[in-house]
Protein backbone atom coordinates (compact mmCIF):
# COMPACT_ATOMS: atom_id res chain seq x y z
CA MET A 1 0.00 0.00 0.00
CA LEU A 2 1.28 3.45 -0.91
CA PRO A 3 1.52 6.03 1.89
CA ILE A 4 -1.55 8.28 1.96
CA ASP A 5 0.44 11.51 2.20
CA GLY A 6 2.42 10.96 -1.00
CA TYR A 7 -0.28 11.72 -3.58
CA GLY A 8 -0.42 14.66 -5.93
CA LEU A 9 -3.22 15.53 -8.34
CA LEU A 10 -3.23 17.58 -11.53
CA PRO A 11 -5.88 18.44 -14.11
CA VAL A 12 -5.22 16.32 -17.19
CA THR A 13 -4.58 19.46 -19.24
CA GLU A 14 -1.46 20.18 -17.13
CA VAL A 15 0.12 16.74 -17.60
CA ASP A 16 2.79 15.92 -20.19
CA PRO A 17 1.03 13.99 -23.02
CA ASN A 18 3.89 11.45 -23.00
CA LEU A 19 2.94 10.48 -19.44
CA LEU A 20 -0.69 10.02 -20.52
CA THR A 21 0.35 7.78 -23.42
CA ALA A 22 2.61 5.68 -21.16
CA PHE A 23 -0.25 4.88 -18.73
CA HIS A 24 -1.58 1.29 -18.80
CA CYS A 25 -4.31 -0.06 -16.54
CA GLY A 26 -5.07 -3.32 -18.35
CA LYS A 27 -8.23 -1.99 -20.01
CA PRO A 28 -7.47 -0.52 -23.45
CA HIS A 29 -10.61 1.67 -23.52
CA LEU A 30 -9.50 3.41 -20.30
CA ASP A 31 -5.91 3.81 -21.54
CA GLU A 32 -7.15 5.30 -24.82
CA PHE A 33 -9.55 7.65 -23.05
CA LEU A 34 -6.76 9.16 -20.96
CA VAL A 35 -4.96 10.23 -24.14
CA GLN A 36 -8.18 11.93 -25.36
CA ALA A 37 -9.12 13.30 -21.93
CA PRO A 38 -7.52 16.75 -22.39
CA GLU A 39 -9.95 17.47 -25.25
CA PHE A 40 -12.97 16.30 -23.18
CA HIS A 41 -11.64 18.42 -20.30
CA ARG A 42 -11.29 21.56 -22.43
CA ASP A 43 -14.80 21.02 -23.88
CA ARG A 44 -16.12 20.52 -20.30
CA LEU A 45 -17.64 17.14 -21.15
CA GLY A 46 -15.84 15.51 -18.23
CA LEU A 47 -13.12 16.87 -15.97
CA SER A 48 -10.23 14.44 -15.60
CA THR A 49 -7.72 14.49 -12.78
CA VAL A 50 -4.43 12.59 -12.95
CA ALA A 51 -2.86 11.12 -9.82
CA PHE A 52 0.83 10.80 -9.06
CA HIS A 53 2.66 9.45 -6.03
CA ARG A 54 6.08 10.50 -4.80
CA ASP A 55 7.22 6.85 -4.53
CA VAL A 56 6.17 5.85 -8.08
CA PRO A 57 7.37 7.25 -11.40
CA GLY A 58 4.62 8.19 -13.86
CA VAL A 59 0.86 8.28 -13.56
CA VAL A 60 -0.60 6.06 -10.81
CA GLY A 61 -4.23 6.59 -11.83
CA TYR A 62 -6.90 9.00 -12.98
CA PHE A 63 -10.58 9.76 -12.67
CA THR A 64 -13.13 11.73 -14.67
CA LEU A 65 -16.12 13.51 -13.11
CA ALA A 66 -19.24 15.09 -14.59
CA ASN A 67 -22.61 16.30 -13.33
CA ASP A 68 -25.57 13.93 -13.45
CA ALA A 69 -28.87 13.08 -11.80
CA LEU A 70 -30.65 9.83 -11.08
CA PRO A 71 -34.27 8.91 -10.47
CA LEU A 72 -34.72 6.90 -7.28
CA THR A 73 -37.22 4.17 -6.44
CA SER A 74 -39.50 4.65 -3.43
CA ALA A 75 -37.31 2.20 -1.49
CA GLU A 76 -34.18 4.19 -2.31
CA GLN A 77 -35.85 7.45 -1.26
CA PHE A 78 -36.86 5.80 2.02
CA GLU A 79 -33.31 4.54 2.66
CA LEU A 80 -31.92 8.02 1.98
CA ASN A 81 -34.64 9.65 4.06
CA VAL A 82 -35.49 12.00 1.19
CA ASN A 83 -38.81 12.67 -0.41
CA ALA A 84 -38.30 16.01 -2.07
CA GLY A 85 -40.65 15.18 -4.92
CA LEU A 86 -37.83 15.43 -7.43
CA LYS A 87 -37.94 13.45 -10.65
CA ALA A 88 -34.19 12.92 -10.34
CA TYR A 89 -31.71 13.53 -7.53
CA PRO A 90 -28.48 15.53 -8.04
CA ALA A 91 -25.36 13.43 -8.45
CA VAL A 92 -21.77 13.48 -9.53
CA LYS A 93 -20.91 10.89 -12.13
CA LEU A 94 -17.63 9.09 -11.73
CA GLY A 95 -17.23 8.58 -15.47
CA ARG A 96 -13.91 6.80 -15.37
CA LEU A 97 -11.57 5.53 -12.69
CA ALA A 98 -8.36 3.72 -13.58
CA VAL A 99 -5.27 2.64 -11.67
CA ALA A 100 -1.95 1.69 -13.25
CA GLN A 101 -1.91 -2.06 -13.72
CA HIS A 102 1.17 -2.64 -11.56
CA LEU A 103 -0.49 -0.76 -8.65
CA GLN A 104 -3.89 -2.43 -8.68
CA ARG A 105 -4.89 -3.90 -5.31
CA CYS A 106 -2.46 -1.55 -3.55
CA GLY A 107 -5.09 0.89 -2.23
CA VAL A 108 -4.71 3.53 -4.96
CA GLY A 109 -8.32 3.18 -6.16
CA ARG A 110 -9.62 3.53 -2.60
CA GLN A 111 -7.51 6.65 -2.07
CA LEU A 112 -8.78 8.23 -5.28
CA VAL A 113 -12.42 7.50 -4.40
CA ALA A 114 -11.90 8.89 -0.88
CA PHE A 115 -10.49 12.07 -2.43
CA ILE A 116 -13.47 12.31 -4.81
CA HIS A 117 -16.00 11.93 -1.99
CA GLY A 118 -14.17 14.53 0.09
CA GLU A 119 -14.06 17.02 -2.77
CA ILE A 120 -17.78 16.61 -3.45
CA LEU A 121 -18.61 17.24 0.20
CA ASP A 122 -16.19 20.18 0.42
CA SER A 123 -17.64 21.86 -2.67
CA ALA A 124 -21.13 22.06 -1.20
CA SER A 125 -21.27 25.80 -1.84
CA LEU A 126 -20.63 25.33 -5.58
CA SER A 127 -23.01 22.55 -6.57
CA ALA A 128 -25.52 20.28 -4.88
CA ALA A 129 -24.96 16.55 -5.09
CA ARG A 130 -26.03 13.82 -2.72
CA LEU A 131 -25.16 10.79 -4.81
CA VAL A 132 -22.12 9.53 -6.63
CA ILE A 133 -22.97 7.41 -9.65
CA VAL A 134 -20.69 5.05 -11.53
CA ASP A 135 -21.38 2.86 -14.54
CA ALA A 136 -19.01 0.12 -13.41
CA ASP A 137 -17.69 -2.42 -15.88
CA ALA A 138 -19.68 -5.63 -15.37
CA ASP A 139 -16.56 -7.40 -14.16
CA PRO A 140 -16.87 -9.29 -10.85
CA GLN A 141 -13.64 -7.80 -9.46
CA ILE A 142 -14.64 -4.25 -10.34
CA LEU A 143 -18.14 -4.70 -8.90
CA ALA A 144 -16.62 -6.18 -5.73
CA PHE A 145 -14.30 -3.14 -5.43
CA TYR A 146 -17.20 -0.68 -5.58
CA GLN A 147 -19.30 -2.78 -3.19
CA SER A 148 -16.41 -2.89 -0.72
CA ILE A 149 -16.43 0.92 -0.53
CA GLY A 150 -20.18 1.23 -0.05
CA TYR A 151 -21.64 1.39 -3.55
CA GLN A 152 -24.76 -0.59 -4.40
CA GLU A 153 -26.55 -1.34 -7.62
CA SER A 154 -29.18 1.24 -8.48
CA LEU A 155 -32.62 -0.29 -8.02
CA TRP A 156 -34.07 2.23 -10.47
CA ALA A 157 -31.53 1.37 -13.18
CA GLU A 158 -32.02 -2.34 -12.58
CA SER A 159 -35.81 -2.00 -12.98
CA GLN A 160 -35.33 0.10 -16.14
CA ALA A 161 -33.06 -2.55 -17.63
CA LYS A 162 -35.62 -5.27 -16.93
CA HIS A 163 -38.45 -3.12 -18.30
CA THR A 164 -36.65 -2.28 -21.56
CA SER A 165 -35.51 -5.87 -22.15
CA VAL A 166 -39.04 -7.34 -22.08
CA GLY A 167 -39.68 -9.03 -25.40
CA LYS A 168 -36.12 -8.43 -26.61
CA LYS A 169 -33.23 -10.82 -26.89
CA SER A 170 -31.52 -11.13 -23.53
CA THR A 171 -28.23 -9.29 -23.55
CA VAL A 172 -25.83 -8.69 -20.73
CA SER A 173 -25.05 -5.01 -20.17
CA PRO A 174 -21.35 -4.16 -20.25
CA THR A 175 -21.86 -1.89 -17.21
CA VAL A 176 -23.77 -1.85 -13.94
CA LYS A 177 -25.07 1.47 -12.58
CA MET A 178 -23.98 1.77 -8.95
CA ILE A 179 -24.66 4.57 -6.49
CA LYS A 180 -23.48 5.80 -3.12
CA ASP A 181 -24.97 8.35 -0.76
CA ILE A 182 -22.04 10.51 0.32
CA LEU A 183 -23.85 12.08 3.28
CA GLY A 184 -23.44 9.16 5.58
CA ASN A 185 -23.47 5.47 6.17
CA VAL A 186 -26.63 4.97 4.17
CA SER A 187 -25.97 3.40 0.79
CA VAL A 188 -28.65 2.88 -1.78
């Protein structure tokens, strides 16, 4: 595990493109996105942050955030103790999260998610968000990672997927929508 106090973060637009190209997490679509991330960042389609650590040369990981909202089922509203009559509840979307392949299972992903949650809570005067949403790759290890840090599958998204697949060929979604309430111990 890398020491917690050794991390540094930079907007992707301030990182040498050669470092972005050299990053490998084991998932080509995430590696390729990082190279394109400065353009998405400049167009404000998703703000990417690159993580470094004093004990490791190069990029240790990155994440991309955007604004979003999510409808909640009655059960989810009850668990959150909210009934504001909103059609959808404010959220931050964790669009991408990747850790360098040689550092996976070393706590880097947990540190990045902890930073994200802290930043969302600290920016309460800029934008309202109660939920963090992630469309996690439907990979058992990735789903287990998010579950271990308090994310749960969205009941609303699950019901939508069942509703839209009625009468259609059964296909497995490449992602699973997961959510976390960042205001406390309550996860939905």
